[in-house]
Amino acid sequence: IRNICRSPIAEAVFRKMATDNGVVDKWVIDSGATSDWNTGSTPDARGLACLRKHVIETDHRARQVTKDDFVTFDHILCMDESNLRDLNKKASSVKNSKAKIELLGSYDPEKQLIIQDPYYGSDKDFETVYEQCMRCCKAFLEQHS
């Protein structure tokens, strides 16, 4: 919802992975929120600390998903059923929507379909999100490169 916890972690993880694999120039990588609550905000400090611990940088600022995103992007990956519902609803009102909307967790080899929001949790919850994003992004990149 907020684009300050899970999705900036996934975005940063995927960007680093694509860079390390020499394919970052083949991707436009971004993340967005289904609401406008935190537009312009930097990611949650705990998420940034988690990324720093794994030597991953990000300069992300929260933004809201726009109608253009459904036309511009081939894939829109989300974290839970609520995101999925909201995105499918938005996509249905966009002419020429081409983006495939999926749960990022659908790529998890460990079958953890939902990536829980760690906002009200602990540093350990952010680490869990990071680990899920690593597994899912790796599998997604392997399937789509």
N, C-alpha and C. Protein backbone atom coordinates (compact mmCIF):
# COMPACT_ATOMS: atom_id res chain seq x y z
N ILE A 1 0.84 -1.20 0.00
CA ILE A 1 0.00 0.00 0.00
C ILE A 1 0.87 1.25 0.00
N ARG A 2 1.91 1.27 0.85
CA ARG A 2 2.64 2.51 1.11
C ARG A 2 3.86 2.74 0.22
N ASN A 3 4.45 1.69 -0.33
CA ASN A 3 5.66 1.81 -1.14
C ASN A 3 6.86 2.33 -0.34
N ILE A 4 6.93 1.95 0.95
CA ILE A 4 8.11 2.33 1.75
C ILE A 4 8.77 1.12 2.43
N CYS A 5 8.16 -0.07 2.34
CA CYS A 5 8.72 -1.24 3.02
C CYS A 5 9.07 -2.35 2.03
N ARG A 6 8.05 -3.10 1.62
CA ARG A 6 8.30 -4.30 0.80
C ARG A 6 8.75 -3.98 -0.61
N SER A 7 8.01 -3.14 -1.31
CA SER A 7 8.33 -2.94 -2.72
C SER A 7 9.67 -2.24 -2.97
N PRO A 8 10.09 -1.26 -2.13
CA PRO A 8 11.43 -0.71 -2.36
C PRO A 8 12.53 -1.76 -2.13
N ILE A 9 12.30 -2.68 -1.19
CA ILE A 9 13.28 -3.76 -0.98
C ILE A 9 13.33 -4.64 -2.24
N ALA A 10 12.16 -5.02 -2.75
CA ALA A 10 12.11 -5.85 -3.95
C ALA A 10 12.75 -5.13 -5.13
N GLU A 11 12.44 -3.85 -5.28
CA GLU A 11 13.01 -3.05 -6.38
C GLU A 11 14.53 -3.03 -6.30
N ALA A 12 15.07 -2.74 -5.11
CA ALA A 12 16.52 -2.64 -4.92
C ALA A 12 17.19 -3.99 -5.13
N VAL A 13 16.57 -5.05 -4.63
CA VAL A 13 17.11 -6.40 -4.79
C VAL A 13 17.15 -6.77 -6.27
N PHE A 14 16.05 -6.52 -6.98
CA PHE A 14 15.99 -6.89 -8.40
C PHE A 14 16.99 -6.06 -9.21
N ARG A 15 17.11 -4.77 -8.90
CA ARG A 15 18.06 -3.92 -9.64
C ARG A 15 19.49 -4.43 -9.45
N LYS A 16 19.84 -4.77 -8.20
CA LYS A 16 21.20 -5.29 -7.95
C LYS A 16 21.42 -6.61 -8.67
N MET A 17 20.42 -7.48 -8.62
CA MET A 17 20.52 -8.79 -9.27
C MET A 17 20.67 -8.64 -10.78
N ALA A 18 19.87 -7.76 -11.38
CA ALA A 18 19.94 -7.52 -12.82
C ALA A 18 21.30 -6.90 -13.19
N THR A 19 21.80 -6.01 -12.33
CA THR A 19 23.11 -5.39 -12.55
C THR A 19 24.20 -6.45 -12.48
N ASP A 20 24.18 -7.26 -11.42
CA ASP A 20 25.19 -8.31 -11.24
C ASP A 20 25.18 -9.32 -12.39
N ASN A 21 24.00 -9.50 -13.00
CA ASN A 21 23.88 -10.45 -14.12
C ASN A 21 24.09 -9.79 -15.48
N GLY A 22 24.42 -8.49 -15.47
CA GLY A 22 24.71 -7.77 -16.71
C GLY A 22 23.51 -7.53 -17.60
N VAL A 23 22.29 -7.54 -17.01
CA VAL A 23 21.09 -7.35 -17.83
C VAL A 23 20.26 -6.14 -17.40
N VAL A 24 20.83 -5.29 -16.53
CA VAL A 24 20.03 -4.19 -15.99
C VAL A 24 19.54 -3.24 -17.09
N ASP A 25 20.32 -3.11 -18.18
CA ASP A 25 19.91 -2.21 -19.27
C ASP A 25 18.73 -2.75 -20.07
N LYS A 26 18.36 -4.01 -19.83
CA LYS A 26 17.20 -4.59 -20.53
C LYS A 26 15.90 -4.40 -19.74
N TRP A 27 16.01 -3.78 -18.56
CA TRP A 27 14.85 -3.65 -17.68
C TRP A 27 14.62 -2.19 -17.30
N VAL A 28 13.35 -1.82 -17.15
CA VAL A 28 12.96 -0.59 -16.46
C VAL A 28 12.40 -1.07 -15.13
N ILE A 29 13.07 -0.69 -14.05
CA ILE A 29 12.74 -1.24 -12.73
C ILE A 29 12.24 -0.11 -11.84
N ASP A 30 11.06 -0.28 -11.27
CA ASP A 30 10.49 0.75 -10.40
C ASP A 30 9.54 0.06 -9.44
N SER A 31 9.08 0.80 -8.45
CA SER A 31 8.04 0.29 -7.56
C SER A 31 7.07 1.42 -7.25
N GLY A 32 5.85 1.04 -6.90
CA GLY A 32 4.83 2.04 -6.60
C GLY A 32 3.83 1.50 -5.61
N ALA A 33 3.05 2.40 -5.06
CA ALA A 33 2.04 2.07 -4.06
C ALA A 33 0.66 2.04 -4.69
N THR A 34 -0.24 1.31 -4.06
CA THR A 34 -1.63 1.33 -4.52
C THR A 34 -2.40 2.50 -3.91
N SER A 35 -1.79 3.19 -2.93
CA SER A 35 -2.41 4.38 -2.34
C SER A 35 -1.42 5.54 -2.44
N ASP A 36 -1.85 6.72 -2.05
CA ASP A 36 -0.94 7.88 -2.13
C ASP A 36 -0.48 8.34 -0.75
N TRP A 37 -0.55 7.46 0.24
CA TRP A 37 -0.24 7.84 1.62
C TRP A 37 1.14 8.42 1.82
N ASN A 38 2.16 7.82 1.22
CA ASN A 38 3.54 8.21 1.53
C ASN A 38 4.29 8.76 0.32
N THR A 39 3.57 9.27 -0.67
CA THR A 39 4.19 9.75 -1.89
C THR A 39 5.34 10.71 -1.55
N GLY A 40 6.50 10.45 -2.15
CA GLY A 40 7.68 11.29 -1.94
C GLY A 40 8.57 10.86 -0.80
N SER A 41 8.08 9.93 0.04
CA SER A 41 8.86 9.49 1.21
C SER A 41 9.99 8.54 0.81
N THR A 42 11.04 8.55 1.61
CA THR A 42 12.10 7.55 1.44
C THR A 42 11.61 6.25 2.07
N PRO A 43 12.26 5.13 1.72
CA PRO A 43 11.85 3.86 2.35
C PRO A 43 12.02 3.89 3.86
N ASP A 44 11.28 3.02 4.53
CA ASP A 44 11.36 2.84 5.98
C ASP A 44 12.81 2.64 6.39
N ALA A 45 13.23 3.30 7.47
CA ALA A 45 14.62 3.23 7.94
C ALA A 45 15.06 1.79 8.20
N ARG A 46 14.13 0.96 8.69
CA ARG A 46 14.48 -0.44 8.95
C ARG A 46 14.74 -1.20 7.66
N GLY A 47 13.99 -0.86 6.62
CA GLY A 47 14.20 -1.47 5.31
C GLY A 47 15.54 -1.03 4.73
N LEU A 48 15.86 0.25 4.88
CA LEU A 48 17.15 0.76 4.40
C LEU A 48 18.30 0.10 5.14
N ALA A 49 18.15 -0.07 6.45
CA ALA A 49 19.19 -0.72 7.26
C ALA A 49 19.39 -2.17 6.80
N CYS A 50 18.29 -2.85 6.51
CA CYS A 50 18.35 -4.23 6.03
C CYS A 50 19.09 -4.29 4.70
N LEU A 51 18.77 -3.38 3.78
CA LEU A 51 19.44 -3.36 2.49
C LEU A 51 20.93 -3.05 2.65
N ARG A 52 21.24 -2.06 3.51
CA ARG A 52 22.65 -1.71 3.74
C ARG A 52 23.43 -2.90 4.27
N LYS A 53 22.80 -3.64 5.17
CA LYS A 53 23.44 -4.83 5.74
C LYS A 53 23.85 -5.81 4.64
N HIS A 54 23.06 -5.84 3.56
CA HIS A 54 23.33 -6.75 2.44
C HIS A 54 24.03 -6.02 1.28
N VAL A 55 24.55 -4.83 1.58
CA VAL A 55 25.31 -4.01 0.62
C VAL A 55 24.49 -3.74 -0.65
N ILE A 56 23.26 -3.29 -0.45
CA ILE A 56 22.39 -2.91 -1.56
C ILE A 56 21.96 -1.47 -1.34
N GLU A 57 22.13 -0.65 -2.36
CA GLU A 57 21.78 0.77 -2.29
C GLU A 57 20.41 1.00 -2.92
N THR A 58 19.75 2.07 -2.47
CA THR A 58 18.53 2.51 -3.14
C THR A 58 18.38 4.01 -2.95
N ASP A 59 17.85 4.68 -3.96
CA ASP A 59 17.52 6.10 -3.81
C ASP A 59 16.02 6.31 -4.09
N HIS A 60 15.26 5.25 -3.81
CA HIS A 60 13.83 5.24 -4.12
C HIS A 60 13.05 6.29 -3.31
N ARG A 61 12.07 6.89 -3.96
CA ARG A 61 11.07 7.74 -3.31
C ARG A 61 9.70 7.15 -3.61
N ALA A 62 8.86 7.05 -2.60
CA ALA A 62 7.54 6.44 -2.77
C ALA A 62 6.72 7.19 -3.82
N ARG A 63 6.03 6.43 -4.62
CA ARG A 63 5.11 7.01 -5.61
C ARG A 63 3.90 6.10 -5.73
N GLN A 64 2.86 6.63 -6.32
CA GLN A 64 1.65 5.84 -6.52
C GLN A 64 1.67 5.24 -7.92
N VAL A 65 1.16 4.01 -8.05
CA VAL A 65 1.02 3.39 -9.37
C VAL A 65 0.08 4.25 -10.20
N THR A 66 0.46 4.50 -11.46
CA THR A 66 -0.37 5.32 -12.35
C THR A 66 -0.99 4.45 -13.45
N LYS A 67 -1.97 5.01 -14.14
CA LYS A 67 -2.58 4.28 -15.25
C LYS A 67 -1.54 3.96 -16.32
N ASP A 68 -0.59 4.88 -16.53
CA ASP A 68 0.47 4.66 -17.52
C ASP A 68 1.29 3.40 -17.22
N ASP A 69 1.45 3.09 -15.94
CA ASP A 69 2.25 1.92 -15.57
C ASP A 69 1.70 0.64 -16.21
N PHE A 70 0.38 0.56 -16.35
CA PHE A 70 -0.25 -0.65 -16.90
C PHE A 70 0.00 -0.78 -18.40
N VAL A 71 0.33 0.34 -19.04
CA VAL A 71 0.61 0.36 -20.47
C VAL A 71 2.11 0.24 -20.73
N THR A 72 2.91 0.81 -19.82
CA THR A 72 4.37 0.88 -19.99
C THR A 72 5.07 -0.41 -19.59
N PHE A 73 4.68 -0.98 -18.46
CA PHE A 73 5.39 -2.13 -17.91
C PHE A 73 4.79 -3.45 -18.42
N ASP A 74 5.66 -4.43 -18.61
CA ASP A 74 5.21 -5.77 -19.01
C ASP A 74 4.75 -6.58 -17.80
N HIS A 75 5.39 -6.32 -16.65
CA HIS A 75 5.09 -7.06 -15.42
C HIS A 75 4.87 -6.08 -14.28
N ILE A 76 3.82 -6.32 -13.51
CA ILE A 76 3.61 -5.62 -12.25
C ILE A 76 3.46 -6.71 -11.19
N LEU A 77 4.43 -6.72 -10.26
CA LEU A 77 4.47 -7.76 -9.23
C LEU A 77 4.06 -7.14 -7.90
N CYS A 78 3.21 -7.82 -7.17
CA CYS A 78 2.73 -7.27 -5.90
C CYS A 78 2.93 -8.27 -4.77
N MET A 79 2.62 -7.82 -3.56
CA MET A 79 3.02 -8.54 -2.37
C MET A 79 1.93 -9.38 -1.71
N ASP A 80 0.67 -8.98 -1.87
CA ASP A 80 -0.41 -9.72 -1.20
C ASP A 80 -1.71 -9.61 -1.98
N GLU A 81 -2.74 -10.32 -1.51
CA GLU A 81 -4.01 -10.37 -2.23
C GLU A 81 -4.69 -9.01 -2.33
N SER A 82 -4.53 -8.19 -1.30
CA SER A 82 -5.12 -6.85 -1.31
C SER A 82 -4.50 -6.02 -2.43
N ASN A 83 -3.17 -6.06 -2.56
CA ASN A 83 -2.48 -5.38 -3.67
C ASN A 83 -2.99 -5.90 -5.01
N LEU A 84 -3.09 -7.22 -5.11
CA LEU A 84 -3.51 -7.86 -6.35
C LEU A 84 -4.90 -7.39 -6.77
N ARG A 85 -5.82 -7.36 -5.80
CA ARG A 85 -7.19 -6.88 -6.07
C ARG A 85 -7.18 -5.44 -6.54
N ASP A 86 -6.45 -4.58 -5.80
CA ASP A 86 -6.40 -3.15 -6.14
C ASP A 86 -5.81 -2.93 -7.54
N LEU A 87 -4.74 -3.64 -7.84
CA LEU A 87 -4.08 -3.47 -9.14
C LEU A 87 -4.95 -3.99 -10.28
N ASN A 88 -5.59 -5.13 -10.08
CA ASN A 88 -6.47 -5.65 -11.13
C ASN A 88 -7.65 -4.71 -11.38
N LYS A 89 -8.16 -4.11 -10.30
CA LYS A 89 -9.26 -3.15 -10.42
C LYS A 89 -8.80 -1.93 -11.22
N LYS A 90 -7.62 -1.41 -10.88
CA LYS A 90 -7.08 -0.25 -11.62
C LYS A 90 -6.84 -0.60 -13.08
N ALA A 91 -6.26 -1.77 -13.31
CA ALA A 91 -5.93 -2.19 -14.68
C ALA A 91 -7.18 -2.30 -15.55
N SER A 92 -8.28 -2.72 -14.94
CA SER A 92 -9.52 -2.91 -15.71
C SER A 92 -10.07 -1.60 -16.25
N SER A 93 -9.63 -0.47 -15.68
CA SER A 93 -10.11 0.83 -16.18
C SER A 93 -9.12 1.48 -17.15
N VAL A 94 -8.07 0.74 -17.52
CA VAL A 94 -7.04 1.28 -18.41
C VAL A 94 -7.15 0.63 -19.78
N LYS A 95 -7.37 1.47 -20.80
CA LYS A 95 -7.37 0.96 -22.17
C LYS A 95 -5.94 0.58 -22.53
N ASN A 96 -5.76 -0.49 -23.28
CA ASN A 96 -4.42 -0.94 -23.72
C ASN A 96 -3.54 -1.43 -22.57
N SER A 97 -4.14 -1.81 -21.45
CA SER A 97 -3.34 -2.35 -20.35
C SER A 97 -2.69 -3.65 -20.82
N LYS A 98 -1.36 -3.72 -20.70
CA LYS A 98 -0.65 -4.92 -21.16
C LYS A 98 0.10 -5.63 -20.03
N ALA A 99 0.22 -4.96 -18.89
CA ALA A 99 1.03 -5.50 -17.79
C ALA A 99 0.41 -6.79 -17.25
N LYS A 100 1.27 -7.78 -17.04
CA LYS A 100 0.85 -9.01 -16.37
C LYS A 100 0.98 -8.74 -14.87
N ILE A 101 -0.12 -8.84 -14.16
CA ILE A 101 -0.14 -8.54 -12.72
C ILE A 101 -0.11 -9.87 -11.95
N GLU A 102 0.92 -10.01 -11.12
CA GLU A 102 1.11 -11.27 -10.39
C GLU A 102 1.62 -10.99 -8.99
N LEU A 103 1.45 -11.98 -8.12
CA LEU A 103 2.10 -11.93 -6.82
C LEU A 103 3.58 -12.28 -7.01
N LEU A 104 4.46 -11.44 -6.48
CA LEU A 104 5.89 -11.74 -6.53
C LEU A 104 6.15 -13.12 -5.91
N GLY A 105 5.41 -13.42 -4.84
CA GLY A 105 5.55 -14.70 -4.15
C GLY A 105 5.21 -15.91 -4.99
N SER A 106 4.52 -15.71 -6.12
CA SER A 106 4.21 -16.85 -6.99
C SER A 106 5.48 -17.42 -7.61
N TYR A 107 6.59 -16.68 -7.52
CA TYR A 107 7.89 -17.15 -8.05
C TYR A 107 8.74 -17.81 -6.96
N ASP A 108 8.26 -17.82 -5.73
CA ASP A 108 9.07 -18.32 -4.62
C ASP A 108 9.23 -19.83 -4.68
N PRO A 109 10.48 -20.32 -4.81
CA PRO A 109 10.68 -21.78 -4.80
C PRO A 109 10.25 -22.42 -3.47
N GLU A 110 10.20 -21.61 -2.41
CA GLU A 110 9.74 -22.14 -1.11
C GLU A 110 8.23 -21.99 -0.92
N LYS A 111 7.56 -21.51 -1.97
CA LYS A 111 6.08 -21.45 -2.01
C LYS A 111 5.46 -20.54 -0.94
N GLN A 112 6.19 -19.52 -0.51
CA GLN A 112 5.62 -18.51 0.40
C GLN A 112 4.95 -17.46 -0.49
N LEU A 113 3.66 -17.64 -0.74
CA LEU A 113 2.95 -16.83 -1.73
C LEU A 113 2.85 -15.36 -1.33
N ILE A 114 2.61 -15.10 -0.05
CA ILE A 114 2.38 -13.74 0.42
C ILE A 114 3.64 -13.20 1.10
N ILE A 115 4.02 -11.98 0.74
CA ILE A 115 5.12 -11.29 1.41
C ILE A 115 4.46 -10.29 2.37
N GLN A 116 4.51 -10.62 3.66
CA GLN A 116 3.80 -9.84 4.68
C GLN A 116 4.44 -8.47 4.88
N ASP A 117 3.60 -7.47 5.11
CA ASP A 117 4.08 -6.11 5.38
C ASP A 117 4.79 -6.10 6.74
N PRO A 118 6.07 -5.71 6.78
CA PRO A 118 6.81 -5.73 8.05
C PRO A 118 6.68 -4.44 8.86
N TYR A 119 5.86 -3.50 8.38
CA TYR A 119 5.79 -2.16 8.96
C TYR A 119 5.59 -2.18 10.48
N TYR A 120 4.69 -3.03 10.95
CA TYR A 120 4.40 -3.09 12.40
C TYR A 120 5.23 -4.17 13.10
N GLY A 121 6.20 -4.72 12.38
CA GLY A 121 7.00 -5.81 12.92
C GLY A 121 8.37 -5.36 13.37
N SER A 122 9.30 -6.30 13.37
CA SER A 122 10.66 -6.07 13.88
C SER A 122 11.66 -6.11 12.73
N ASP A 123 12.93 -5.88 13.07
CA ASP A 123 13.99 -6.00 12.07
C ASP A 123 14.00 -7.39 11.43
N LYS A 124 13.67 -8.39 12.22
CA LYS A 124 13.62 -9.77 11.72
C LYS A 124 12.58 -9.89 10.60
N ASP A 125 11.46 -9.17 10.72
CA ASP A 125 10.43 -9.22 9.69
C ASP A 125 10.92 -8.59 8.38
N PHE A 126 11.73 -7.53 8.50
CA PHE A 126 12.32 -6.92 7.31
C PHE A 126 13.30 -7.89 6.65
N GLU A 127 14.04 -8.62 7.48
CA GLU A 127 14.98 -9.61 6.96
C GLU A 127 14.24 -10.72 6.22
N THR A 128 13.08 -11.13 6.75
CA THR A 128 12.25 -12.14 6.09
C THR A 128 11.80 -11.64 4.72
N VAL A 129 11.35 -10.38 4.66
CA VAL A 129 10.94 -9.78 3.38
C VAL A 129 12.12 -9.80 2.40
N TYR A 130 13.30 -9.41 2.89
CA TYR A 130 14.49 -9.40 2.04
C TYR A 130 14.77 -10.79 1.47
N GLU A 131 14.72 -11.80 2.34
CA GLU A 131 15.00 -13.18 1.90
C GLU A 131 13.97 -13.66 0.87
N GLN A 132 12.69 -13.34 1.12
CA GLN A 132 11.65 -13.71 0.15
C GLN A 132 11.89 -13.01 -1.18
N CYS A 133 12.22 -11.72 -1.13
CA CYS A 133 12.46 -10.95 -2.35
C CYS A 133 13.65 -11.52 -3.12
N MET A 134 14.71 -11.91 -2.39
CA MET A 134 15.88 -12.51 -3.05
C MET A 134 15.47 -13.77 -3.82
N ARG A 135 14.74 -14.67 -3.16
CA ARG A 135 14.33 -15.92 -3.80
C ARG A 135 13.43 -15.67 -5.01
N CYS A 136 12.45 -14.80 -4.81
CA CYS A 136 11.45 -14.55 -5.85
C CYS A 136 12.06 -13.81 -7.04
N CYS A 137 12.88 -12.80 -6.77
CA CYS A 137 13.49 -12.03 -7.85
C CYS A 137 14.44 -12.90 -8.66
N LYS A 138 15.16 -13.77 -7.99
CA LYS A 138 16.08 -14.68 -8.69
C LYS A 138 15.29 -15.59 -9.64
N ALA A 139 14.21 -16.17 -9.14
CA ALA A 139 13.39 -17.06 -9.97
C ALA A 139 12.72 -16.28 -11.12
N PHE A 140 12.24 -15.07 -10.81
CA PHE A 140 11.60 -14.24 -11.85
C PHE A 140 12.61 -13.91 -12.94
N LEU A 141 13.80 -13.48 -12.54
CA LEU A 141 14.84 -13.10 -13.50
C LEU A 141 15.23 -14.30 -14.37
N GLU A 142 15.36 -15.47 -13.74
CA GLU A 142 15.73 -16.67 -14.50
C GLU A 142 14.65 -17.02 -15.53
N GLN A 143 13.39 -16.82 -15.17
CA GLN A 143 12.28 -17.16 -16.10
C GLN A 143 12.11 -16.14 -17.20
N HIS A 144 12.58 -14.91 -16.99
CA HIS A 144 12.31 -13.84 -17.94
C HIS A 144 13.57 -13.23 -18.56
N SER A 145 14.66 -14.00 -18.60
CA SER A 145 15.83 -13.43 -19.28
C SER A 145 16.27 -14.31 -20.43
